[in-house]
Amino acid sequence: MNKLTKESLDNIAKQSRKEEKNWIKVGMSSCGIAAGADEVLKVLIEEAKKRNIQVNIKKCGCVGMCSVEPLVEVNVEGMPRVTYGRVNKDVAIQILEDHIHNHRLVNDHIYDIQVKK
């Protein structure tokens, strides 16, 4: 095993910061699932495939806003990272069409925005 140096640790940190350009994360904690996150995930996967929208759709754990589940976090290159809440089937499709495909935010369901630096 090699000794870790400051340089090697910096390289590890840089690699972990590299992330995919376009992705969607669906909160699949118990409160999210109880609120319908499993259906939202299924709709996102099916509709993205049907519409040939290139985005990586992932599951994640608790996001911490149980009262507005299901939560969906969206990252699209050139746009702020957005967390949408109270997402149902119709909102999921709107996120794919408006946010992912047309680069417009779905204002009525935004609960958090992280502007990228």
N, C-alpha and C. Protein backbone atom coordinates (compact mmCIF):
# COMPACT_ATOMS: atom_id res chain seq x y z
N MET A 1 0.84 -1.17 0.00
CA MET A 1 0.00 0.00 0.00
C MET A 1 0.89 1.23 0.00
N ASN A 2 0.58 2.18 -0.89
CA ASN A 2 1.35 3.43 -0.96
C ASN A 2 0.89 4.41 0.10
N LYS A 3 1.83 5.23 0.53
CA LYS A 3 1.52 6.26 1.51
C LYS A 3 0.74 7.38 0.79
N LEU A 4 -0.32 7.86 1.43
CA LEU A 4 -1.09 8.96 0.86
C LEU A 4 -0.37 10.28 1.10
N THR A 5 -0.25 11.06 0.06
CA THR A 5 0.37 12.38 0.16
C THR A 5 -0.71 13.43 -0.03
N LYS A 6 -0.38 14.68 0.22
CA LYS A 6 -1.33 15.77 0.01
C LYS A 6 -1.77 15.80 -1.46
N GLU A 7 -0.83 15.57 -2.36
CA GLU A 7 -1.14 15.57 -3.79
C GLU A 7 -2.10 14.43 -4.15
N SER A 8 -1.85 13.25 -3.62
CA SER A 8 -2.73 12.13 -3.93
C SER A 8 -4.13 12.34 -3.34
N LEU A 9 -4.20 12.93 -2.16
CA LEU A 9 -5.50 13.24 -1.57
C LEU A 9 -6.25 14.29 -2.39
N ASP A 10 -5.52 15.30 -2.90
CA ASP A 10 -6.14 16.31 -3.76
C ASP A 10 -6.69 15.67 -5.03
N ASN A 11 -5.94 14.74 -5.61
CA ASN A 11 -6.40 14.05 -6.81
C ASN A 11 -7.66 13.23 -6.54
N ILE A 12 -7.70 12.56 -5.40
CA ILE A 12 -8.88 11.78 -5.02
C ILE A 12 -10.08 12.71 -4.87
N ALA A 13 -9.89 13.87 -4.24
CA ALA A 13 -10.97 14.83 -4.06
C ALA A 13 -11.48 15.35 -5.39
N LYS A 14 -10.57 15.64 -6.33
CA LYS A 14 -10.97 16.12 -7.65
C LYS A 14 -11.79 15.07 -8.39
N GLN A 15 -11.38 13.82 -8.30
CA GLN A 15 -12.10 12.74 -8.97
C GLN A 15 -13.51 12.59 -8.40
N SER A 16 -13.65 12.74 -7.09
CA SER A 16 -14.96 12.57 -6.48
C SER A 16 -15.88 13.73 -6.82
N ARG A 17 -15.33 14.90 -7.16
CA ARG A 17 -16.15 16.05 -7.54
C ARG A 17 -16.63 15.98 -8.98
N LYS A 18 -15.96 15.19 -9.81
CA LYS A 18 -16.42 15.04 -11.19
C LYS A 18 -17.72 14.27 -11.16
N GLU A 19 -18.72 14.83 -11.80
CA GLU A 19 -19.98 14.13 -11.83
C GLU A 19 -20.59 14.24 -13.22
N GLU A 20 -21.57 13.43 -13.44
CA GLU A 20 -22.25 13.44 -14.71
C GLU A 20 -22.91 14.79 -14.93
N LYS A 21 -23.08 15.16 -16.19
CA LYS A 21 -23.64 16.46 -16.52
C LYS A 21 -25.13 16.53 -16.27
N ASN A 22 -25.88 15.54 -16.69
CA ASN A 22 -27.33 15.56 -16.56
C ASN A 22 -27.81 14.34 -15.79
N TRP A 23 -28.48 14.59 -14.67
CA TRP A 23 -29.01 13.49 -13.89
C TRP A 23 -30.23 13.93 -13.09
N ILE A 24 -30.99 12.92 -12.68
CA ILE A 24 -32.15 13.11 -11.81
C ILE A 24 -31.99 12.12 -10.67
N LYS A 25 -32.19 12.60 -9.44
CA LYS A 25 -32.18 11.72 -8.27
C LYS A 25 -33.57 11.77 -7.62
N VAL A 26 -34.10 10.60 -7.35
CA VAL A 26 -35.40 10.49 -6.70
C VAL A 26 -35.17 9.99 -5.28
N GLY A 27 -35.67 10.75 -4.30
CA GLY A 27 -35.53 10.37 -2.89
C GLY A 27 -36.35 9.13 -2.59
N MET A 28 -35.68 8.05 -2.24
CA MET A 28 -36.35 6.77 -2.01
C MET A 28 -36.25 6.32 -0.56
N SER A 29 -36.31 7.29 0.37
CA SER A 29 -36.36 6.91 1.78
C SER A 29 -37.78 6.42 2.08
N SER A 30 -38.01 5.95 3.28
CA SER A 30 -39.33 5.40 3.59
C SER A 30 -40.44 6.44 3.45
N CYS A 31 -40.17 7.69 3.83
CA CYS A 31 -41.21 8.72 3.69
C CYS A 31 -41.45 9.04 2.21
N GLY A 32 -40.40 9.01 1.40
CA GLY A 32 -40.56 9.25 -0.04
C GLY A 32 -41.37 8.14 -0.69
N ILE A 33 -41.06 6.91 -0.35
CA ILE A 33 -41.78 5.77 -0.91
C ILE A 33 -43.25 5.82 -0.48
N ALA A 34 -43.49 6.16 0.78
CA ALA A 34 -44.87 6.25 1.27
C ALA A 34 -45.66 7.34 0.53
N ALA A 35 -44.96 8.38 0.07
CA ALA A 35 -45.62 9.47 -0.63
C ALA A 35 -45.73 9.22 -2.14
N GLY A 36 -45.13 8.14 -2.64
CA GLY A 36 -45.27 7.79 -4.05
C GLY A 36 -44.01 7.90 -4.88
N ALA A 37 -42.84 7.95 -4.25
CA ALA A 37 -41.58 8.09 -4.99
C ALA A 37 -41.32 6.93 -5.93
N ASP A 38 -41.77 5.73 -5.56
CA ASP A 38 -41.55 4.58 -6.44
C ASP A 38 -42.27 4.76 -7.77
N GLU A 39 -43.49 5.30 -7.74
CA GLU A 39 -44.22 5.57 -8.98
C GLU A 39 -43.55 6.68 -9.79
N VAL A 40 -43.07 7.73 -9.10
CA VAL A 40 -42.37 8.83 -9.77
C VAL A 40 -41.12 8.31 -10.47
N LEU A 41 -40.34 7.47 -9.80
CA LEU A 41 -39.15 6.89 -10.39
C LEU A 41 -39.50 6.09 -11.65
N LYS A 42 -40.52 5.26 -11.54
CA LYS A 42 -40.95 4.44 -12.67
C LYS A 42 -41.38 5.31 -13.86
N VAL A 43 -42.15 6.36 -13.59
CA VAL A 43 -42.60 7.26 -14.66
C VAL A 43 -41.42 7.97 -15.31
N LEU A 44 -40.49 8.45 -14.50
CA LEU A 44 -39.32 9.14 -15.06
C LEU A 44 -38.53 8.23 -15.99
N ILE A 45 -38.29 7.01 -15.56
CA ILE A 45 -37.52 6.06 -16.37
C ILE A 45 -38.26 5.74 -17.67
N GLU A 46 -39.55 5.42 -17.56
CA GLU A 46 -40.34 5.06 -18.74
C GLU A 46 -40.46 6.23 -19.72
N GLU A 47 -40.79 7.41 -19.21
CA GLU A 47 -41.01 8.56 -20.09
C GLU A 47 -39.71 9.06 -20.72
N ALA A 48 -38.62 9.01 -19.98
CA ALA A 48 -37.32 9.41 -20.55
C ALA A 48 -36.97 8.49 -21.72
N LYS A 49 -37.22 7.22 -21.53
CA LYS A 49 -36.94 6.25 -22.59
C LYS A 49 -37.85 6.49 -23.80
N LYS A 50 -39.16 6.67 -23.56
CA LYS A 50 -40.12 6.92 -24.63
C LYS A 50 -39.76 8.16 -25.44
N ARG A 51 -39.33 9.22 -24.73
CA ARG A 51 -39.07 10.51 -25.37
C ARG A 51 -37.61 10.65 -25.82
N ASN A 52 -36.84 9.59 -25.61
CA ASN A 52 -35.42 9.59 -25.97
C ASN A 52 -34.67 10.77 -25.33
N ILE A 53 -34.94 10.99 -24.04
CA ILE A 53 -34.27 12.04 -23.28
C ILE A 53 -33.08 11.40 -22.56
N GLN A 54 -31.89 11.89 -22.86
CA GLN A 54 -30.66 11.33 -22.31
C GLN A 54 -30.38 11.93 -20.94
N VAL A 55 -30.73 11.21 -19.90
CA VAL A 55 -30.49 11.65 -18.53
C VAL A 55 -30.34 10.40 -17.67
N ASN A 56 -29.41 10.45 -16.73
CA ASN A 56 -29.21 9.33 -15.81
C ASN A 56 -30.17 9.50 -14.64
N ILE A 57 -31.02 8.53 -14.41
CA ILE A 57 -32.01 8.59 -13.34
C ILE A 57 -31.57 7.64 -12.24
N LYS A 58 -31.43 8.21 -11.03
CA LYS A 58 -30.88 7.44 -9.90
C LYS A 58 -31.81 7.51 -8.69
N LYS A 59 -31.61 6.57 -7.80
CA LYS A 59 -32.27 6.59 -6.49
C LYS A 59 -31.30 7.21 -5.49
N CYS A 60 -31.85 7.90 -4.49
CA CYS A 60 -31.00 8.36 -3.39
C CYS A 60 -31.79 8.21 -2.09
N GLY A 61 -31.15 8.46 -1.00
CA GLY A 61 -31.78 8.32 0.30
C GLY A 61 -32.50 9.57 0.73
N CYS A 62 -32.59 9.76 2.02
CA CYS A 62 -33.33 10.87 2.60
C CYS A 62 -32.71 12.21 2.22
N VAL A 63 -33.55 13.14 1.81
CA VAL A 63 -33.11 14.48 1.45
C VAL A 63 -33.39 15.44 2.61
N GLY A 64 -34.27 15.07 3.52
CA GLY A 64 -34.50 15.84 4.73
C GLY A 64 -35.72 16.73 4.73
N MET A 65 -36.55 16.67 3.71
CA MET A 65 -37.76 17.48 3.68
C MET A 65 -38.98 16.57 3.56
N CYS A 66 -39.22 15.80 4.59
CA CYS A 66 -40.25 14.75 4.55
C CYS A 66 -41.64 15.29 4.22
N SER A 67 -41.93 16.51 4.61
CA SER A 67 -43.27 17.05 4.41
C SER A 67 -43.59 17.37 2.96
N VAL A 68 -42.58 17.39 2.08
CA VAL A 68 -42.83 17.70 0.67
C VAL A 68 -42.42 16.55 -0.25
N GLU A 69 -42.35 15.34 0.27
CA GLU A 69 -42.06 14.17 -0.54
C GLU A 69 -43.19 13.92 -1.53
N PRO A 70 -42.92 13.26 -2.60
CA PRO A 70 -41.67 12.81 -3.15
C PRO A 70 -40.80 13.97 -3.65
N LEU A 71 -39.50 13.85 -3.37
CA LEU A 71 -38.51 14.85 -3.78
C LEU A 71 -37.70 14.34 -4.96
N VAL A 72 -37.44 15.25 -5.89
CA VAL A 72 -36.66 14.92 -7.08
C VAL A 72 -35.63 16.02 -7.26
N GLU A 73 -34.36 15.64 -7.28
CA GLU A 73 -33.27 16.60 -7.51
C GLU A 73 -32.82 16.47 -8.96
N VAL A 74 -32.63 17.62 -9.62
CA VAL A 74 -32.31 17.62 -11.05
C VAL A 74 -31.06 18.45 -11.29
N ASN A 75 -30.13 17.86 -12.01
CA ASN A 75 -28.90 18.55 -12.40
C ASN A 75 -28.79 18.51 -13.92
N VAL A 76 -28.78 19.70 -14.54
CA VAL A 76 -28.64 19.82 -15.98
C VAL A 76 -27.51 20.81 -16.24
N GLU A 77 -26.60 20.44 -17.11
CA GLU A 77 -25.47 21.30 -17.42
C GLU A 77 -25.97 22.68 -17.87
N GLY A 78 -25.36 23.72 -17.29
CA GLY A 78 -25.71 25.09 -17.64
C GLY A 78 -26.88 25.66 -16.87
N MET A 79 -27.44 24.89 -15.94
CA MET A 79 -28.58 25.34 -15.13
C MET A 79 -28.27 25.11 -13.66
N PRO A 80 -28.99 25.81 -12.77
CA PRO A 80 -28.81 25.52 -11.34
C PRO A 80 -29.34 24.13 -11.00
N ARG A 81 -28.80 23.55 -9.95
CA ARG A 81 -29.31 22.27 -9.46
C ARG A 81 -30.59 22.58 -8.67
N VAL A 82 -31.65 21.85 -8.96
CA VAL A 82 -32.96 22.16 -8.39
C VAL A 82 -33.53 20.93 -7.69
N THR A 83 -34.13 21.16 -6.53
CA THR A 83 -34.88 20.11 -5.84
C THR A 83 -36.36 20.45 -5.96
N TYR A 84 -37.10 19.53 -6.56
CA TYR A 84 -38.55 19.68 -6.70
C TYR A 84 -39.23 18.84 -5.64
N GLY A 85 -40.32 19.36 -5.09
CA GLY A 85 -41.08 18.63 -4.09
C GLY A 85 -42.51 18.42 -4.50
N ARG A 86 -43.16 17.48 -3.80
CA ARG A 86 -44.54 17.09 -4.09
C ARG A 86 -44.70 16.69 -5.55
N VAL A 87 -43.77 15.87 -5.98
CA VAL A 87 -43.73 15.43 -7.38
C VAL A 87 -44.66 14.23 -7.54
N ASN A 88 -45.56 14.34 -8.49
CA ASN A 88 -46.43 13.22 -8.86
C ASN A 88 -46.13 12.85 -10.31
N LYS A 89 -46.94 11.98 -10.89
CA LYS A 89 -46.71 11.51 -12.26
C LYS A 89 -46.67 12.69 -13.24
N ASP A 90 -47.64 13.58 -13.15
CA ASP A 90 -47.72 14.71 -14.08
C ASP A 90 -46.54 15.66 -13.93
N VAL A 91 -46.14 15.93 -12.69
CA VAL A 91 -45.00 16.82 -12.45
C VAL A 91 -43.71 16.17 -12.94
N ALA A 92 -43.58 14.86 -12.76
CA ALA A 92 -42.40 14.14 -13.25
C ALA A 92 -42.25 14.31 -14.76
N ILE A 93 -43.35 14.17 -15.48
CA ILE A 93 -43.32 14.34 -16.94
C ILE A 93 -42.99 15.79 -17.28
N GLN A 94 -43.54 16.73 -16.52
CA GLN A 94 -43.25 18.15 -16.75
C GLN A 94 -41.77 18.45 -16.50
N ILE A 95 -41.17 17.82 -15.50
CA ILE A 95 -39.74 18.00 -15.23
C ILE A 95 -38.91 17.51 -16.42
N LEU A 96 -39.27 16.35 -16.95
CA LEU A 96 -38.55 15.82 -18.11
C LEU A 96 -38.66 16.76 -19.31
N GLU A 97 -39.88 17.19 -19.60
CA GLU A 97 -40.11 18.03 -20.77
C GLU A 97 -39.54 19.44 -20.59
N ASP A 98 -39.91 20.08 -19.49
CA ASP A 98 -39.52 21.49 -19.30
C ASP A 98 -38.08 21.64 -18.84
N HIS A 99 -37.72 21.01 -17.74
CA HIS A 99 -36.39 21.23 -17.17
C HIS A 99 -35.30 20.52 -17.99
N ILE A 100 -35.46 19.23 -18.21
CA ILE A 100 -34.41 18.47 -18.89
C ILE A 100 -34.34 18.82 -20.38
N HIS A 101 -35.47 18.75 -21.06
CA HIS A 101 -35.47 18.91 -22.52
C HIS A 101 -35.43 20.38 -22.96
N ASN A 102 -36.24 21.24 -22.33
CA ASN A 102 -36.35 22.63 -22.78
C ASN A 102 -35.60 23.65 -21.93
N HIS A 103 -34.90 23.18 -20.88
CA HIS A 103 -34.09 24.05 -20.01
C HIS A 103 -34.91 25.19 -19.39
N ARG A 104 -36.11 24.86 -18.91
CA ARG A 104 -36.95 25.80 -18.18
C ARG A 104 -37.32 25.18 -16.85
N LEU A 105 -37.28 25.98 -15.78
CA LEU A 105 -37.61 25.46 -14.45
C LEU A 105 -39.11 25.27 -14.31
N VAL A 106 -39.49 24.31 -13.48
CA VAL A 106 -40.89 24.03 -13.17
C VAL A 106 -41.18 24.76 -11.85
N ASN A 107 -41.50 26.03 -11.96
CA ASN A 107 -41.55 26.94 -10.80
C ASN A 107 -42.46 26.51 -9.67
N ASP A 108 -43.61 25.94 -9.95
CA ASP A 108 -44.58 25.63 -8.90
C ASP A 108 -44.15 24.54 -7.93
N HIS A 109 -43.07 23.84 -8.23
CA HIS A 109 -42.65 22.72 -7.39
C HIS A 109 -41.22 22.84 -6.89
N ILE A 110 -40.59 24.00 -7.04
CA ILE A 110 -39.21 24.19 -6.58
C ILE A 110 -39.18 24.38 -5.06
N TYR A 111 -38.33 23.59 -4.41
CA TYR A 111 -38.13 23.72 -2.97
C TYR A 111 -36.71 24.12 -2.62
N ASP A 112 -35.77 23.98 -3.55
CA ASP A 112 -34.39 24.38 -3.31
C ASP A 112 -33.70 24.58 -4.64
N ILE A 113 -32.86 25.61 -4.71
CA ILE A 113 -32.02 25.86 -5.89
C ILE A 113 -30.60 26.06 -5.43
N GLN A 114 -29.66 25.38 -6.06
CA GLN A 114 -28.24 25.54 -5.78
C GLN A 114 -27.58 26.06 -7.04
N VAL A 115 -27.16 27.31 -6.99
CA VAL A 115 -26.49 27.90 -8.15
C VAL A 115 -25.05 27.41 -8.17
N LYS A 116 -24.64 26.90 -9.31
CA LYS A 116 -23.28 26.34 -9.46
C LYS A 116 -22.28 27.47 -9.62
N LYS A 117 -21.11 27.26 -9.03
CA LYS A 117 -20.05 28.27 -9.12
C LYS A 117 -19.03 27.87 -10.14
